[in-house]
């Protein structure tokens, strides 16, 4: 996200399914190569992914004016703004440290 590079996701196990779903469906910053939730949930991690599926995902990813690239550019800006002076992450960490220090005995 920091560098504004869209992703191709191909979740294989564990929390990768949830992360991939969020990147593709919720945030719109990635394309799916293969997401077969039912098969992966039932232990079918040896599913076959064709060269055509990989090619289609990468081609969608490489489209210069795609919605994914617009979303990634916005996320890049948002992630960088979080770390500037008075940015949300910097501000939160500062408040957290103050809270911890004030509650120490």
N, C-alpha and C. Protein backbone atom coordinates (compact mmCIF):
# COMPACT_ATOMS: atom_id res chain seq x y z
N UNK A 1 0.81 -1.18 0.00
CA UNK A 1 0.00 0.00 0.00
C UNK A 1 0.87 1.26 0.00
N UNK A 2 1.93 1.24 0.76
CA UNK A 2 2.79 2.41 0.92
C UNK A 2 3.30 2.92 -0.43
N UNK A 3 3.63 2.01 -1.34
CA UNK A 3 4.19 2.39 -2.64
C UNK A 3 3.13 2.47 -3.74
N UNK A 4 1.88 2.21 -3.42
CA UNK A 4 0.82 2.33 -4.41
C UNK A 4 0.85 1.27 -5.49
N UNK A 5 1.19 0.05 -5.10
CA UNK A 5 1.28 -1.05 -6.06
C UNK A 5 0.09 -1.98 -5.85
N UNK A 6 -0.74 -2.18 -6.87
CA UNK A 6 -1.87 -3.10 -6.74
C UNK A 6 -1.37 -4.53 -6.60
N UNK A 7 -2.20 -5.38 -6.03
CA UNK A 7 -1.78 -6.75 -5.74
C UNK A 7 -2.63 -7.78 -6.47
N UNK A 8 -2.04 -8.91 -6.73
CA UNK A 8 -2.75 -10.08 -7.21
C UNK A 8 -2.76 -11.07 -6.04
N UNK A 9 -3.94 -11.50 -5.63
CA UNK A 9 -4.03 -12.38 -4.47
C UNK A 9 -4.42 -13.79 -4.88
N UNK A 10 -3.83 -14.74 -4.16
CA UNK A 10 -4.07 -16.15 -4.40
C UNK A 10 -3.96 -16.83 -3.04
N UNK A 11 -4.99 -16.70 -2.22
CA UNK A 11 -4.91 -17.24 -0.86
C UNK A 11 -4.88 -18.77 -0.85
N UNK A 12 -4.03 -19.31 0.01
CA UNK A 12 -3.89 -20.75 0.08
C UNK A 12 -4.39 -21.35 1.38
N UNK A 13 -4.24 -20.62 2.50
CA UNK A 13 -4.66 -21.21 3.77
C UNK A 13 -4.84 -20.15 4.84
N UNK A 14 -5.35 -20.59 5.96
CA UNK A 14 -5.50 -19.79 7.18
C UNK A 14 -6.19 -18.46 6.91
N UNK A 15 -5.64 -17.39 7.46
CA UNK A 15 -6.27 -16.08 7.37
C UNK A 15 -6.09 -15.44 5.99
N UNK A 16 -5.36 -16.07 5.10
CA UNK A 16 -5.17 -15.51 3.76
C UNK A 16 -6.49 -15.31 3.04
N UNK A 17 -7.46 -16.20 3.28
CA UNK A 17 -8.78 -16.06 2.65
C UNK A 17 -9.43 -14.75 3.04
N UNK A 18 -9.43 -14.46 4.34
CA UNK A 18 -10.05 -13.24 4.84
C UNK A 18 -9.30 -12.00 4.35
N UNK A 19 -7.98 -12.04 4.38
CA UNK A 19 -7.18 -10.91 3.91
C UNK A 19 -7.42 -10.65 2.42
N UNK A 20 -7.44 -11.71 1.63
CA UNK A 20 -7.67 -11.57 0.19
C UNK A 20 -9.05 -11.00 -0.09
N UNK A 21 -10.04 -11.50 0.61
CA UNK A 21 -11.41 -11.00 0.43
C UNK A 21 -11.47 -9.51 0.72
N UNK A 22 -10.84 -9.08 1.80
CA UNK A 22 -10.86 -7.67 2.17
C UNK A 22 -10.15 -6.82 1.12
N UNK A 23 -9.01 -7.28 0.63
CA UNK A 23 -8.26 -6.52 -0.39
C UNK A 23 -9.03 -6.41 -1.69
N UNK A 24 -9.70 -7.50 -2.10
CA UNK A 24 -10.40 -7.51 -3.38
C UNK A 24 -11.78 -6.86 -3.28
N UNK A 25 -12.59 -7.32 -2.35
CA UNK A 25 -13.99 -6.90 -2.29
C UNK A 25 -14.21 -5.61 -1.49
N UNK A 26 -13.60 -5.51 -0.32
CA UNK A 26 -13.84 -4.35 0.54
C UNK A 26 -13.05 -3.12 0.11
N UNK A 27 -11.74 -3.30 -0.10
CA UNK A 27 -10.89 -2.16 -0.40
C UNK A 27 -10.71 -1.91 -1.90
N UNK A 28 -10.88 -2.93 -2.71
CA UNK A 28 -10.74 -2.77 -4.16
C UNK A 28 -9.34 -2.42 -4.61
N UNK A 29 -8.32 -2.99 -3.94
CA UNK A 29 -6.93 -2.69 -4.27
C UNK A 29 -6.18 -3.91 -4.80
N UNK A 30 -6.91 -4.97 -5.10
CA UNK A 30 -6.27 -6.20 -5.57
C UNK A 30 -7.20 -6.94 -6.52
N UNK A 31 -6.61 -7.79 -7.34
CA UNK A 31 -7.40 -8.71 -8.18
C UNK A 31 -7.16 -10.11 -7.65
N UNK A 32 -8.15 -10.94 -7.83
CA UNK A 32 -8.00 -12.32 -7.38
C UNK A 32 -7.47 -13.19 -8.51
N UNK A 33 -6.52 -14.02 -8.16
CA UNK A 33 -6.08 -15.05 -9.11
C UNK A 33 -7.01 -16.24 -8.96
N UNK A 34 -7.18 -16.68 -7.72
CA UNK A 34 -8.09 -17.79 -7.44
C UNK A 34 -8.51 -17.70 -5.98
N UNK A 35 -9.80 -17.60 -5.75
CA UNK A 35 -10.32 -17.62 -4.38
C UNK A 35 -11.48 -18.61 -4.37
N UNK A 36 -11.22 -19.78 -3.89
CA UNK A 36 -12.24 -20.82 -3.80
C UNK A 36 -12.43 -21.16 -2.33
N UNK A 37 -13.28 -20.40 -1.67
CA UNK A 37 -13.43 -20.51 -0.22
C UNK A 37 -13.87 -21.89 0.22
N UNK A 38 -14.85 -22.47 -0.44
CA UNK A 38 -15.36 -23.78 -0.02
C UNK A 38 -14.28 -24.85 -0.07
N UNK A 39 -13.57 -24.90 -1.15
CA UNK A 39 -12.55 -25.93 -1.30
C UNK A 39 -11.44 -25.74 -0.26
N UNK A 40 -10.99 -24.49 -0.05
CA UNK A 40 -9.93 -24.24 0.92
C UNK A 40 -10.39 -24.53 2.34
N UNK A 41 -11.64 -24.22 2.66
CA UNK A 41 -12.15 -24.48 4.00
C UNK A 41 -12.23 -25.98 4.28
N UNK A 42 -12.38 -26.77 3.23
CA UNK A 42 -12.50 -28.22 3.42
C UNK A 42 -11.17 -28.93 3.21
N UNK A 43 -10.08 -28.18 3.28
CA UNK A 43 -8.77 -28.80 3.21
C UNK A 43 -8.28 -29.07 1.81
N UNK A 44 -8.84 -28.44 0.80
CA UNK A 44 -8.45 -28.68 -0.58
C UNK A 44 -7.41 -27.71 -1.08
N UNK A 45 -6.32 -27.55 -0.35
CA UNK A 45 -5.32 -26.57 -0.74
C UNK A 45 -4.53 -26.99 -1.97
N UNK A 46 -4.76 -28.18 -2.48
CA UNK A 46 -4.03 -28.64 -3.66
C UNK A 46 -4.81 -28.38 -4.95
N UNK A 47 -5.71 -27.38 -4.93
CA UNK A 47 -6.49 -27.08 -6.13
C UNK A 47 -5.58 -26.62 -7.26
N UNK A 48 -6.04 -26.87 -8.46
CA UNK A 48 -5.26 -26.51 -9.64
C UNK A 48 -5.67 -25.12 -10.11
N UNK A 49 -4.69 -24.30 -10.38
CA UNK A 49 -4.92 -22.97 -10.94
C UNK A 49 -4.26 -22.96 -12.30
N UNK A 50 -5.05 -22.64 -13.30
CA UNK A 50 -4.56 -22.71 -14.67
C UNK A 50 -3.73 -21.48 -15.02
N UNK A 51 -2.92 -21.64 -16.04
CA UNK A 51 -2.13 -20.51 -16.55
C UNK A 51 -3.06 -19.41 -17.04
N UNK A 52 -4.21 -19.78 -17.58
CA UNK A 52 -5.18 -18.80 -18.07
C UNK A 52 -5.75 -17.97 -16.91
N UNK A 53 -6.02 -18.59 -15.78
CA UNK A 53 -6.52 -17.84 -14.61
C UNK A 53 -5.46 -16.85 -14.11
N UNK A 54 -4.23 -17.29 -14.09
CA UNK A 54 -3.14 -16.40 -13.66
C UNK A 54 -2.99 -15.25 -14.66
N UNK A 55 -2.99 -15.58 -15.94
CA UNK A 55 -2.86 -14.55 -16.97
C UNK A 55 -4.00 -13.52 -16.89
N UNK A 56 -5.24 -13.99 -16.72
CA UNK A 56 -6.38 -13.07 -16.63
C UNK A 56 -6.25 -12.13 -15.44
N UNK A 57 -5.83 -12.66 -14.31
CA UNK A 57 -5.65 -11.82 -13.12
C UNK A 57 -4.58 -10.78 -13.33
N UNK A 58 -3.46 -11.17 -13.89
CA UNK A 58 -2.36 -10.23 -14.12
C UNK A 58 -2.74 -9.19 -15.17
N UNK A 59 -3.45 -9.58 -16.20
CA UNK A 59 -3.89 -8.61 -17.21
C UNK A 59 -4.82 -7.56 -16.60
N UNK A 60 -5.76 -8.00 -15.75
CA UNK A 60 -6.65 -7.05 -15.07
C UNK A 60 -5.84 -6.11 -14.19
N UNK A 61 -4.83 -6.65 -13.56
CA UNK A 61 -3.98 -5.87 -12.67
C UNK A 61 -3.20 -4.81 -13.43
N UNK A 62 -2.80 -5.10 -14.64
CA UNK A 62 -1.93 -4.22 -15.41
C UNK A 62 -2.68 -3.14 -16.20
N UNK A 63 -4.00 -3.14 -16.20
CA UNK A 63 -4.75 -2.11 -16.91
C UNK A 63 -4.45 -0.75 -16.31
N UNK A 64 -4.01 0.18 -17.13
CA UNK A 64 -3.49 1.45 -16.61
C UNK A 64 -4.55 2.34 -15.98
N UNK A 65 -5.77 2.33 -16.45
CA UNK A 65 -6.81 3.21 -15.91
C UNK A 65 -7.88 2.45 -15.12
N UNK A 66 -7.51 1.34 -14.51
CA UNK A 66 -8.49 0.53 -13.81
C UNK A 66 -8.89 1.16 -12.48
N UNK A 67 -10.05 0.78 -12.00
CA UNK A 67 -10.54 1.24 -10.70
C UNK A 67 -9.59 0.80 -9.58
N UNK A 68 -8.98 -0.35 -9.75
CA UNK A 68 -8.05 -0.85 -8.75
C UNK A 68 -6.86 0.10 -8.61
N UNK A 69 -6.32 0.56 -9.72
CA UNK A 69 -5.17 1.49 -9.66
C UNK A 69 -5.58 2.82 -9.02
N UNK A 70 -6.79 3.28 -9.28
CA UNK A 70 -7.28 4.51 -8.64
C UNK A 70 -7.39 4.31 -7.13
N UNK A 71 -7.94 3.16 -6.73
CA UNK A 71 -8.08 2.85 -5.30
C UNK A 71 -6.73 2.73 -4.60
N UNK A 72 -5.78 2.11 -5.28
CA UNK A 72 -4.45 1.94 -4.70
C UNK A 72 -3.76 3.30 -4.54
N UNK A 73 -3.92 4.18 -5.53
CA UNK A 73 -3.32 5.51 -5.42
C UNK A 73 -3.91 6.27 -4.24
N UNK A 74 -5.21 6.15 -4.04
CA UNK A 74 -5.85 6.81 -2.90
C UNK A 74 -5.36 6.22 -1.58
N UNK A 75 -5.20 4.89 -1.54
CA UNK A 75 -4.73 4.23 -0.32
C UNK A 75 -3.28 4.61 -0.03
N UNK A 76 -2.49 4.80 -1.06
CA UNK A 76 -1.10 5.24 -0.88
C UNK A 76 -1.09 6.60 -0.19
N UNK A 77 -1.89 7.51 -0.67
CA UNK A 77 -1.96 8.84 -0.08
C UNK A 77 -2.46 8.76 1.37
N UNK A 78 -3.50 7.98 1.59
CA UNK A 78 -4.06 7.84 2.94
C UNK A 78 -3.05 7.25 3.91
N UNK A 79 -2.32 6.23 3.48
CA UNK A 79 -1.35 5.60 4.37
C UNK A 79 -0.20 6.55 4.70
N UNK A 80 0.20 7.36 3.75
CA UNK A 80 1.28 8.32 4.01
C UNK A 80 0.82 9.47 4.89
N UNK A 81 -0.41 9.89 4.73
CA UNK A 81 -0.95 10.98 5.54
C UNK A 81 -1.11 10.55 7.01
N UNK A 82 -1.26 9.26 7.25
CA UNK A 82 -1.42 8.77 8.62
C UNK A 82 -0.15 8.97 9.44
N UNK A 83 1.00 9.09 8.77
CA UNK A 83 2.27 9.19 9.49
C UNK A 83 2.84 10.60 9.58
N UNK A 84 2.20 11.56 8.94
CA UNK A 84 2.70 12.94 9.03
C UNK A 84 2.33 13.53 10.39
N UNK A 85 2.91 14.67 10.71
CA UNK A 85 2.58 15.36 11.96
C UNK A 85 1.07 15.54 12.05
N UNK A 86 0.49 15.14 13.18
CA UNK A 86 -0.96 15.17 13.42
C UNK A 86 -1.73 14.16 12.57
N UNK A 87 -1.05 13.22 11.94
CA UNK A 87 -1.73 12.17 11.20
C UNK A 87 -2.37 11.18 12.16
N UNK A 88 -3.32 10.40 11.68
CA UNK A 88 -4.10 9.52 12.55
C UNK A 88 -3.25 8.48 13.29
N UNK A 89 -2.31 7.84 12.61
CA UNK A 89 -1.48 6.83 13.28
C UNK A 89 -0.52 7.47 14.27
N UNK A 90 0.12 8.53 13.86
CA UNK A 90 1.06 9.21 14.75
C UNK A 90 0.33 9.75 15.98
N UNK A 91 -0.84 10.31 15.76
CA UNK A 91 -1.64 10.84 16.86
C UNK A 91 -2.07 9.72 17.82
N UNK A 92 -2.52 8.60 17.26
CA UNK A 92 -2.98 7.49 18.09
C UNK A 92 -1.84 6.92 18.93
N UNK A 93 -0.68 6.73 18.34
CA UNK A 93 0.46 6.19 19.08
C UNK A 93 0.85 7.14 20.21
N UNK A 94 0.84 8.43 19.92
CA UNK A 94 1.15 9.42 20.96
C UNK A 94 0.16 9.36 22.12
N UNK A 95 -1.13 9.25 21.81
CA UNK A 95 -2.14 9.16 22.87
C UNK A 95 -1.99 7.85 23.64
N UNK A 96 -1.66 6.77 22.95
CA UNK A 96 -1.45 5.49 23.62
C UNK A 96 -0.30 5.58 24.62
N UNK A 97 0.81 6.16 24.20
CA UNK A 97 1.98 6.29 25.08
C UNK A 97 1.62 7.16 26.29
N UNK A 98 0.93 8.26 26.06
CA UNK A 98 0.50 9.11 27.17
C UNK A 98 -0.38 8.34 28.15
N UNK A 99 -1.29 7.55 27.62
CA UNK A 99 -2.20 6.75 28.45
C UNK A 99 -1.43 5.75 29.29
N UNK A 100 -0.49 5.05 28.68
CA UNK A 100 0.32 4.06 29.41
C UNK A 100 1.13 4.74 30.50
N UNK A 101 1.77 5.86 30.16
CA UNK A 101 2.60 6.56 31.13
C UNK A 101 1.78 7.11 32.30
N UNK A 102 0.57 7.57 32.04
CA UNK A 102 -0.25 8.12 33.12
C UNK A 102 -0.84 7.03 34.01
N UNK A 103 -0.90 5.80 33.53
CA UNK A 103 -1.47 4.70 34.31
C UNK A 103 -0.41 3.82 34.98
N UNK A 104 0.85 4.20 34.85
CA UNK A 104 1.91 3.43 35.51
C UNK A 104 1.95 3.81 37.00
N UNK A 105 2.14 2.84 37.81
CA UNK A 105 2.16 3.09 39.26
C UNK A 105 3.56 3.33 39.75
